[in-house]
Amino acid sequence: MDPLVLGLAVAVVTVLVLFSGISVAVGLLTVAAGFLIVFDGMRSLELMPEIFFAKLNDFALLAIPMFILMGASIASTRAGADLYEALERWLTRVPGGLVISNLGACALFSAMSGSSPATCAAIGKMGIPEMRKRGYPDGVAAGSIAAGGTLGILIPPSVTMIVYGIATETSIGRLFLAGVLPGMLLVGLFMLWSLYSTWRSGDGSILSTRRYSWRERLEIMPRVLPFLLIILGVLYAMYGGVATPSETAAVGALLCLVVAIIIYRLMEPSRLWVVLRDSTKESVMILFIIAAAGVFSYMLSSLFITQSIAGWIGGLDVNRWVLMAAINVFLLIAGFFLPPVAVILMAAPILMPILTTAGFDPIWFAVVLTINMEIGLISPPVGLNLYVINGIAPDIPLKTILVGSLPYVACMVVAIILLCMFPDIATWLPDAVMGPEI
């Protein structure tokens, strides 16, 4: 069978299997095993266990459970509420300061926790009721939190970036740095839209009437600063050449756990067990998907599907930006239905040869891909963040949350366009800190 036709068959079967409700990892293993048996014989199954475990034999993978534990330690405390309250106290006299506080808290907390649902829950529980009480439109209140929660997969340290780096064999340190300026760009676009939307509503309540003394502003800072200092320390250790990402992740996880125990009294064995249990579950899920995706990638390569698709696209006489637009549409659709980790691991083996042939920077593309995945988190039919917000504020209809989040989707599309026009937004900082790639 022609490899391109076979590739189409693999795509169709994979979509059908994943839509059946089966877990992503089991689905990928099932599809890979089925096609290998049919087209390569039963002997191919002998290699599957070796490939499965070989994919996990990578020291860089240690960073994933460590960063997840780091985020779980933060998410299990009142750090999100304290972060929100600290920003609200400092920005209370700024026009639209409350919505800016929410978005700023989302950006910082999502960077600390790396979890989009945890960010929506932690910041939304306080931010949404407070914004609604002061007259902010329900769409702005819900949409800003839903969109702000997506920033965790872009702003470092990001588990998604680690998975991309392992899948494409690119520098994790560079990927983390590449997400900084685009993350700030997105935060700025989100804030601009929120302020414009609030002003357009004609409601005069965007300026808070409450005043905080300097004592009230400063007294909450000791509860927030330790976590922020840990994040800065982790980034300095990586980029200062002190330690590898895996080593810094381990130290960061330990420090976050210690801070949670000392400052937030996370001493009960039952609460500590929940942190360890949840982080272990999430880590195993991601590592299982990584190993299964390794077998899936082997199947694609063994049946010459990856090579044939790359060769076919490379032979097309189309503008490379038309090609990039098609890739973005594919990623956008995939992100509507699948988690970011699954999309990256499934798409990377096929897309990387195409991207390098077309002359695109893999570091730059990581940022574009991640923003596409962010759109999926606040878009139906899956749109995980939409359902988290609906659970926090059940009296806000899901339709209102969706409509409120759509302008933020537009902001992300604008960010992708700006990255295409000015790729240095993503590549300048990695080159400035770590030197140009050779």
Protein backbone atom coordinates (compact mmCIF):
# COMPACT_ATOMS: atom_id res chain seq x y z
CA MET A 1 0.00 0.00 0.00
CA ASP A 2 1.16 3.53 -0.78
CA PRO A 3 2.61 5.10 2.40
CA LEU A 4 0.53 8.28 1.93
CA VAL A 5 -2.70 6.27 1.68
CA LEU A 6 -1.57 4.25 4.66
CA GLY A 7 -0.90 7.46 6.57
CA LEU A 8 -4.45 8.65 5.85
CA ALA A 9 -5.77 5.31 7.12
CA VAL A 10 -3.70 5.65 10.30
CA ALA A 11 -5.04 9.18 10.86
CA VAL A 12 -8.67 8.11 10.42
CA VAL A 13 -8.32 5.04 12.65
CA THR A 14 -6.48 7.02 15.34
CA VAL A 15 -9.20 9.68 15.45
CA LEU A 16 -11.93 7.04 15.68
CA VAL A 17 -10.11 5.15 18.43
CA LEU A 18 -9.45 8.28 20.52
CA PHE A 19 -13.04 9.47 20.06
CA SER A 20 -14.26 6.15 21.43
CA GLY A 21 -13.40 7.37 24.93
CA ILE A 22 -10.35 5.16 25.43
CA SER A 23 -7.36 6.77 27.14
CA VAL A 24 -4.87 8.50 24.85
CA ALA A 25 -1.94 6.22 25.76
CA VAL A 26 -3.90 2.97 25.33
CA GLY A 27 -5.39 4.28 22.09
CA LEU A 28 -1.98 5.08 20.62
CA LEU A 29 -0.62 1.67 21.63
CA THR A 30 -3.64 -0.09 20.15
CA VAL A 31 -3.38 1.71 16.81
CA ALA A 32 0.40 1.21 16.63
CA ALA A 33 0.15 -2.51 17.45
CA GLY A 34 -2.69 -3.07 14.98
CA PHE A 35 -0.94 -1.49 11.99
CA LEU A 36 2.40 -3.10 12.83
CA ILE A 37 0.80 -6.56 12.98
CA VAL A 38 -1.11 -6.09 9.70
CA PHE A 39 1.75 -4.60 7.66
CA ASP A 40 4.89 -5.87 9.40
CA GLY A 41 3.84 -9.18 10.92
CA MET A 42 3.63 -10.49 14.47
CA ARG A 43 7.39 -10.28 14.92
CA SER A 44 7.11 -6.50 15.21
CA LEU A 45 5.38 -6.91 18.58
CA GLU A 46 8.66 -8.18 20.04
CA LEU A 47 10.13 -4.69 19.70
CA MET A 48 7.23 -2.81 21.28
CA PRO A 49 8.18 -3.37 24.95
CA GLU A 50 11.78 -2.36 24.24
CA ILE A 51 10.70 0.82 22.43
CA PHE A 52 8.13 1.59 25.14
CA PHE A 53 10.64 1.48 28.00
CA ALA A 54 13.49 2.99 25.97
CA LYS A 55 11.39 6.10 25.47
CA LEU A 56 11.27 6.51 29.25
CA ASN A 57 15.01 6.00 29.66
CA ASP A 58 15.79 9.69 29.55
CA PHE A 59 17.09 11.70 32.52
CA ALA A 60 15.34 14.82 31.21
CA LEU A 61 11.98 13.16 31.90
CA LEU A 62 12.66 13.50 35.63
CA ALA A 63 11.80 17.19 35.29
CA ILE A 64 8.17 16.36 34.51
CA PRO A 65 7.13 14.72 37.83
CA MET A 66 9.27 17.22 39.75
CA PHE A 67 7.62 20.28 38.19
CA ILE A 68 4.21 18.64 38.65
CA LEU A 69 4.97 18.06 42.35
CA MET A 70 6.14 21.66 42.57
CA GLY A 71 2.82 22.85 41.12
CA ALA A 72 0.76 20.48 43.27
CA SER A 73 2.45 21.81 46.42
CA ILE A 74 1.50 25.36 45.48
CA ALA A 75 -2.02 24.48 44.34
CA SER A 76 -2.78 22.70 47.63
CA THR A 77 -2.34 25.92 49.62
CA ARG A 78 -3.89 29.38 49.76
CA ALA A 79 -1.07 30.71 47.59
CA GLY A 80 -3.47 31.53 44.76
CA ALA A 81 -5.81 33.46 47.05
CA ASP A 82 -2.90 35.32 48.64
CA LEU A 83 -1.41 36.15 45.26
CA TYR A 84 -4.73 37.49 44.04
CA GLU A 85 -5.24 39.53 47.22
CA ALA A 86 -1.72 40.97 47.09
CA LEU A 87 -2.17 42.19 43.51
CA GLU A 88 -5.65 43.51 44.27
CA ARG A 89 -4.30 45.57 47.17
CA TRP A 90 -1.51 47.07 45.07
CA LEU A 91 -3.62 47.76 41.96
CA THR A 92 -6.90 48.75 43.59
CA ARG A 93 -6.65 52.43 42.47
CA VAL A 94 -5.70 51.59 38.88
CA PRO A 95 -8.63 51.88 36.41
CA GLY A 96 -9.72 48.32 35.77
CA GLY A 97 -7.28 47.26 38.45
CA LEU A 98 -9.38 44.30 39.56
CA VAL A 99 -9.40 42.62 36.17
CA ILE A 100 -5.69 43.37 35.80
CA SER A 101 -5.14 41.82 39.24
CA ASN A 102 -6.96 38.68 38.16
CA LEU A 103 -5.01 38.32 34.94
CA GLY A 104 -1.72 39.06 36.70
CA ALA A 105 -2.54 36.52 39.42
CA CYS A 106 -3.47 33.96 36.75
CA ALA A 107 -0.18 34.53 34.93
CA LEU A 108 1.93 34.21 38.08
CA PHE A 109 0.01 31.32 39.60
CA SER A 110 -0.13 29.36 36.34
CA ALA A 111 3.62 29.82 35.97
CA MET A 112 4.11 28.53 39.52
CA SER A 113 1.69 25.62 39.26
CA GLY A 114 1.84 24.77 35.55
CA SER A 115 -1.78 23.65 35.77
CA SER A 116 -4.52 25.42 33.85
CA PRO A 117 -7.48 23.93 35.78
CA ALA A 118 -5.77 24.59 39.14
CA THR A 119 -5.21 28.24 38.14
CA CYS A 120 -8.84 28.71 37.11
CA ALA A 121 -10.02 27.18 40.38
CA ALA A 122 -7.57 29.00 42.68
CA ILE A 123 -7.97 32.49 41.21
CA GLY A 124 -11.56 32.14 40.00
CA LYS A 125 -13.01 31.26 43.40
CA MET A 126 -12.09 34.72 44.68
CA GLY A 127 -11.78 36.77 41.51
CA ILE A 128 -15.07 35.99 39.77
CA PRO A 129 -17.39 36.81 42.73
CA GLU A 130 -15.43 39.99 43.48
CA MET A 131 -15.57 41.22 39.87
CA ARG A 132 -19.28 40.49 39.60
CA LYS A 133 -19.92 42.27 42.91
CA ARG A 134 -18.27 45.39 41.54
CA GLY A 135 -20.33 45.32 38.35
CA TYR A 136 -17.96 43.77 35.85
CA PRO A 137 -19.81 41.96 33.01
CA ASP A 138 -20.15 38.21 33.60
CA GLY A 139 -18.37 37.55 30.29
CA VAL A 140 -15.34 39.59 31.35
CA ALA A 141 -15.26 38.06 34.82
CA ALA A 142 -15.47 34.47 33.59
CA GLY A 143 -13.59 34.83 30.30
CA SER A 144 -10.58 36.61 31.80
CA ILE A 145 -10.04 33.82 34.36
CA ALA A 146 -10.56 31.07 31.75
CA ALA A 147 -8.04 32.70 29.41
CA GLY A 148 -5.58 33.61 32.17
CA GLY A 149 -5.47 29.99 33.28
CA THR A 150 -4.11 28.88 29.91
CA LEU A 151 -0.87 30.82 30.40
CA GLY A 152 0.68 28.07 32.51
CA ILE A 153 1.57 25.95 29.49
CA LEU A 154 3.50 28.85 27.91
CA ILE A 155 5.14 30.84 30.73
CA PRO A 156 8.09 28.88 32.22
CA PRO A 157 8.54 26.51 33.85
CA SER A 158 6.15 24.64 31.53
CA VAL A 159 5.60 20.87 31.43
CA THR A 160 4.31 21.22 27.88
CA MET A 161 7.59 22.79 26.79
CA ILE A 162 9.52 19.96 28.48
CA VAL A 163 7.49 17.38 26.55
CA TYR A 164 8.08 19.27 23.29
CA GLY A 165 11.81 19.49 24.00
CA ILE A 166 12.05 15.75 24.64
CA ALA A 167 9.91 14.87 21.60
CA THR A 168 11.91 17.09 19.22
CA GLU A 169 15.32 16.89 20.94
CA THR A 170 15.52 20.65 21.37
CA SER A 171 16.95 22.55 24.34
CA ILE A 172 14.49 22.79 27.22
CA GLY A 173 16.30 25.86 28.53
CA ARG A 174 15.82 27.64 25.20
CA LEU A 175 12.17 26.62 25.08
CA PHE A 176 11.55 28.06 28.55
CA LEU A 177 13.17 31.36 27.56
CA ALA A 178 11.24 31.42 24.27
CA GLY A 179 7.96 31.42 26.20
CA VAL A 180 8.74 34.47 28.35
CA LEU A 181 8.15 37.38 25.93
CA PRO A 182 5.21 35.75 24.10
CA GLY A 183 3.68 35.03 27.52
CA MET A 184 4.04 38.69 28.48
CA LEU A 185 2.61 39.65 25.08
CA LEU A 186 -0.46 37.51 25.70
CA VAL A 187 -0.95 38.90 29.20
CA GLY A 188 -0.78 42.42 27.74
CA LEU A 189 -3.30 41.62 25.01
CA PHE A 190 -5.64 40.01 27.55
CA MET A 191 -5.43 43.07 29.81
CA LEU A 192 -6.04 45.49 26.93
CA TRP A 193 -9.14 43.63 25.82
CA SER A 194 -10.48 43.35 29.37
CA LEU A 195 -10.06 47.07 29.98
CA TYR A 196 -11.66 47.93 26.63
CA SER A 197 -14.57 45.55 27.25
CA THR A 198 -15.16 46.98 30.72
CA TRP A 199 -14.99 50.56 29.43
CA ARG A 200 -17.34 49.73 26.54
CA SER A 201 -19.92 48.38 28.98
CA GLY A 202 -20.32 51.94 30.28
CA ASP A 203 -20.09 50.79 33.88
CA GLY A 204 -18.34 53.27 36.14
CA SER A 205 -17.21 50.65 38.62
CA ILE A 206 -13.83 49.82 37.17
CA LEU A 207 -12.20 52.09 39.74
CA SER A 208 -12.40 50.58 43.19
CA THR A 209 -13.56 52.81 46.01
CA ARG A 210 -11.61 50.88 48.62
CA ARG A 211 -8.23 52.14 49.76
CA TYR A 212 -5.51 50.01 51.32
CA SER A 213 -2.84 51.34 53.64
CA TRP A 214 0.82 50.63 53.03
CA ARG A 215 0.76 48.31 56.03
CA GLU A 216 -2.08 46.28 54.47
CA ARG A 217 -0.20 46.12 51.18
CA LEU A 218 3.05 44.97 52.75
CA GLU A 219 1.71 42.53 55.34
CA ILE A 220 0.66 39.94 52.75
CA MET A 221 3.91 39.99 50.77
CA PRO A 222 5.82 37.50 53.01
CA ARG A 223 3.27 34.82 52.09
CA VAL A 224 3.72 35.36 48.35
CA LEU A 225 7.37 36.25 47.88
CA PRO A 226 8.86 32.83 48.84
CA PHE A 227 7.12 31.07 45.95
CA LEU A 228 8.10 33.80 43.50
CA LEU A 229 11.71 33.65 44.71
CA ILE A 230 11.72 29.87 44.20
CA ILE A 231 10.54 30.30 40.60
CA LEU A 232 13.22 32.93 39.95
CA GLY A 233 15.81 30.69 41.61
CA VAL A 234 14.83 27.73 39.45
CA LEU A 235 15.14 29.81 36.28
CA TYR A 236 18.48 31.29 37.41
CA ALA A 237 19.87 27.82 38.17
CA MET A 238 18.98 26.62 34.68
CA TYR A 239 20.18 29.63 32.73
CA GLY A 240 23.13 30.39 34.98
CA GLY A 241 24.63 26.98 34.27
CA VAL A 242 24.27 25.91 37.90
CA ALA A 243 22.20 22.77 37.21
CA THR A 244 20.23 20.91 34.56
CA PRO A 245 16.44 21.35 34.22
CA SER A 246 15.85 18.01 35.97
CA GLU A 247 18.08 18.92 38.91
CA THR A 248 16.56 22.38 39.33
CA ALA A 249 13.06 20.90 39.10
CA ALA A 250 13.86 18.49 41.94
CA VAL A 251 15.22 21.27 44.16
CA GLY A 252 12.28 23.53 43.27
CA ALA A 253 9.78 20.80 44.16
CA LEU A 254 11.44 20.22 47.52
CA LEU A 255 11.55 23.95 48.34
CA CYS A 256 7.90 24.47 47.36
CA LEU A 257 6.89 21.55 49.55
CA VAL A 258 8.90 22.98 52.47
CA VAL A 259 7.40 26.47 52.00
CA ALA A 260 3.90 24.98 51.84
CA ILE A 261 4.53 23.12 55.09
CA ILE A 262 6.09 26.07 56.94
CA ILE A 263 3.98 29.02 55.73
CA TYR A 264 0.66 27.33 55.02
CA ARG A 265 0.89 24.62 57.70
CA LEU A 266 0.56 21.77 55.23
CA MET A 267 1.55 19.31 57.94
CA GLU A 268 -1.35 16.87 58.13
CA PRO A 269 -0.35 13.50 56.62
CA SER A 270 -3.71 13.32 54.83
CA ARG A 271 -3.10 16.62 52.99
CA LEU A 272 0.47 15.68 52.12
CA TRP A 273 -0.78 12.35 50.83
CA VAL A 274 -3.25 14.12 48.52
CA VAL A 275 -0.44 16.25 47.07
CA LEU A 276 1.80 13.24 46.45
CA ARG A 277 -1.08 11.11 45.14
CA ASP A 278 -2.36 13.69 42.66
CA SER A 279 1.09 14.61 41.37
CA THR A 280 1.96 10.92 40.94
CA LYS A 281 -1.25 10.27 38.99
CA GLU A 282 -0.65 13.18 36.63
CA SER A 283 3.03 12.28 36.18
CA VAL A 284 2.26 8.64 35.38
CA MET A 285 -0.41 9.70 32.90
CA ILE A 286 1.99 12.01 31.02
CA LEU A 287 4.86 9.50 31.07
CA PHE A 288 2.52 6.74 29.85
CA ILE A 289 1.48 8.95 26.92
CA ILE A 290 5.14 9.72 26.15
CA ALA A 291 6.05 6.03 26.06
CA ALA A 292 2.98 5.13 23.97
CA ALA A 293 3.72 7.98 21.58
CA GLY A 294 7.23 6.56 21.16
CA VAL A 295 5.74 3.27 19.96
CA PHE A 296 3.31 5.19 17.72
CA SER A 297 6.19 7.19 16.21
CA TYR A 298 8.13 3.97 15.61
CA MET A 299 5.13 2.57 13.72
CA LEU A 300 4.91 5.70 11.54
CA SER A 301 8.63 5.54 10.76
CA SER A 302 8.73 1.77 10.28
CA LEU A 303 5.93 1.91 7.70
CA PHE A 304 7.63 4.92 5.97
CA ILE A 305 4.63 7.15 6.65
CA THR A 306 6.57 10.02 8.25
CA GLN A 307 9.21 10.08 5.53
CA SER A 308 6.63 9.93 2.74
CA ILE A 309 4.51 12.77 4.16
CA ALA A 310 7.58 14.95 4.66
CA GLY A 311 8.77 14.21 1.12
CA TRP A 312 5.34 14.87 -0.38
CA ILE A 313 4.92 18.21 1.37
CA GLY A 314 8.52 19.17 0.62
CA GLY A 315 7.81 18.60 -3.08
CA LEU A 316 4.74 20.83 -3.11
CA ASP A 317 5.18 24.16 -4.84
CA VAL A 318 3.50 26.26 -2.13
CA ASN A 319 4.57 29.25 -0.13
CA ARG A 320 5.96 28.21 3.25
CA TRP A 321 3.56 30.55 5.05
CA VAL A 322 0.62 28.86 3.35
CA LEU A 323 2.08 25.63 4.71
CA MET A 324 2.36 27.16 8.19
CA ALA A 325 -1.25 28.34 8.00
CA ALA A 326 -2.35 24.78 7.18
CA ILE A 327 -0.29 23.43 10.10
CA ASN A 328 -1.91 25.96 12.45
CA VAL A 329 -5.39 24.90 11.33
CA PHE A 330 -4.46 21.26 11.96
CA LEU A 331 -3.09 22.04 15.43
CA LEU A 332 -6.12 24.17 16.27
CA ILE A 333 -8.54 21.37 15.38
CA ALA A 334 -6.45 18.76 17.22
CA GLY A 335 -6.32 21.01 20.30
CA PHE A 336 -10.12 21.15 20.38
CA PHE A 337 -10.29 17.44 21.17
CA LEU A 338 -6.97 16.30 22.67
CA PRO A 339 -4.76 17.46 25.58
CA PRO A 340 -1.62 19.44 24.63
CA VAL A 341 0.79 16.64 25.59
CA ALA A 342 -0.97 14.16 23.29
CA VAL A 343 -1.03 16.60 20.35
CA ILE A 344 2.67 17.37 20.71
CA LEU A 345 3.74 13.75 20.92
CA MET A 346 1.55 12.66 18.02
CA ALA A 347 2.32 15.58 15.71
CA ALA A 348 6.03 16.14 16.38
CA PRO A 349 7.37 13.14 14.40
CA ILE A 350 5.40 14.21 11.34
CA LEU A 351 5.78 17.99 11.58
CA MET A 352 9.46 18.39 12.48
CA PRO A 353 10.87 17.16 9.12
CA ILE A 354 8.37 19.40 7.35
CA LEU A 355 9.25 22.45 9.45
CA THR A 356 13.00 22.05 9.08
CA THR A 357 12.64 21.54 5.31
CA ALA A 358 10.56 24.72 5.09
CA GLY A 359 13.15 26.65 7.12
CA PHE A 360 11.16 27.27 10.31
CA ASP A 361 12.88 27.51 13.69
CA PRO A 362 11.77 24.63 16.00
CA ILE A 363 12.09 26.90 19.06
CA TRP A 364 9.85 29.54 17.47
CA PHE A 365 7.38 26.87 16.37
CA ALA A 366 7.13 25.55 19.94
CA VAL A 367 5.62 28.87 21.00
CA VAL A 368 3.18 28.93 18.07
CA LEU A 369 2.14 25.35 18.82
CA THR A 370 1.66 26.11 22.52
CA ILE A 371 -0.59 29.10 21.83
CA ASN A 372 -2.69 26.86 19.58
CA MET A 373 -3.00 24.45 22.49
CA GLU A 374 -4.04 27.34 24.74
CA ILE A 375 -6.89 28.13 22.35
CA GLY A 376 -8.08 24.54 22.68
CA LEU A 377 -8.33 24.92 26.46
CA ILE A 378 -11.00 27.64 26.14
CA SER A 379 -12.77 26.42 23.00
CA PRO A 380 -15.55 23.83 22.62
CA PRO A 381 -16.26 20.95 22.43
CA VAL A 382 -13.70 20.03 25.13
CA GLY A 383 -12.59 23.45 26.45
CA LEU A 384 -11.55 22.18 29.88
CA ASN A 385 -11.23 25.66 31.39
CA LEU A 386 -14.80 26.55 30.41
CA TYR A 387 -16.17 23.68 32.49
CA VAL A 388 -13.90 24.51 35.43
CA ILE A 389 -15.23 28.08 35.45
CA ASN A 390 -18.80 26.79 35.14
CA GLY A 391 -18.19 24.62 38.20
CA ILE A 392 -16.91 27.62 40.17
CA ALA A 393 -19.79 29.92 39.09
CA PRO A 394 -22.67 27.61 38.11
CA ASP A 395 -25.11 30.54 37.87
CA ILE A 396 -23.13 31.89 34.89
CA PRO A 397 -24.41 29.98 31.82
CA LEU A 398 -21.83 28.02 29.87
CA LYS A 399 -22.81 30.02 26.78
CA THR A 400 -21.91 33.27 28.57
CA ILE A 401 -18.53 31.84 29.60
CA LEU A 402 -17.88 30.70 26.03
CA VAL A 403 -18.87 34.07 24.54
CA GLY A 404 -16.73 35.84 27.15
CA SER A 405 -13.71 33.71 26.26
CA LEU A 406 -13.96 34.16 22.47
CA PRO A 407 -12.29 37.63 22.46
CA TYR A 408 -9.35 36.08 24.28
CA VAL A 409 -9.16 33.44 21.55
CA ALA A 410 -8.92 36.36 19.11
CA CYS A 411 -6.09 37.78 21.23
CA MET A 412 -4.22 34.48 20.89
CA VAL A 413 -4.73 34.50 17.11
CA VAL A 414 -3.33 38.04 17.03
CA ALA A 415 -0.34 36.82 19.05
CA ILE A 416 0.32 34.02 16.53
CA ILE A 417 0.15 36.53 13.66
CA LEU A 418 2.58 38.85 15.46
CA LEU A 419 4.95 35.91 16.07
CA CYS A 420 4.85 35.09 12.35
CA MET A 421 5.57 38.72 11.46
CA PHE A 422 8.19 39.20 14.18
CA PRO A 423 9.71 35.80 15.09
CA ASP A 424 12.31 37.53 17.27
CA ILE A 425 9.60 37.88 19.92
CA ALA A 426 10.23 34.20 20.64
CA THR A 427 13.85 33.74 19.57
CA TRP A 428 15.56 36.93 20.78
CA LEU A 429 15.68 36.08 24.50
CA PRO A 430 17.06 32.51 24.07
CA ASP A 431 19.76 33.82 21.73
CA ALA A 432 20.58 36.74 24.04
CA VAL A 433 20.91 34.56 27.15
CA MET A 434 22.30 31.32 25.71
CA GLY A 435 23.88 32.52 22.48
CA PRO A 436 22.77 31.77 18.91
CA GLU A 437 22.27 28.13 18.02
CA ILE A 438 25.05 26.65 15.93
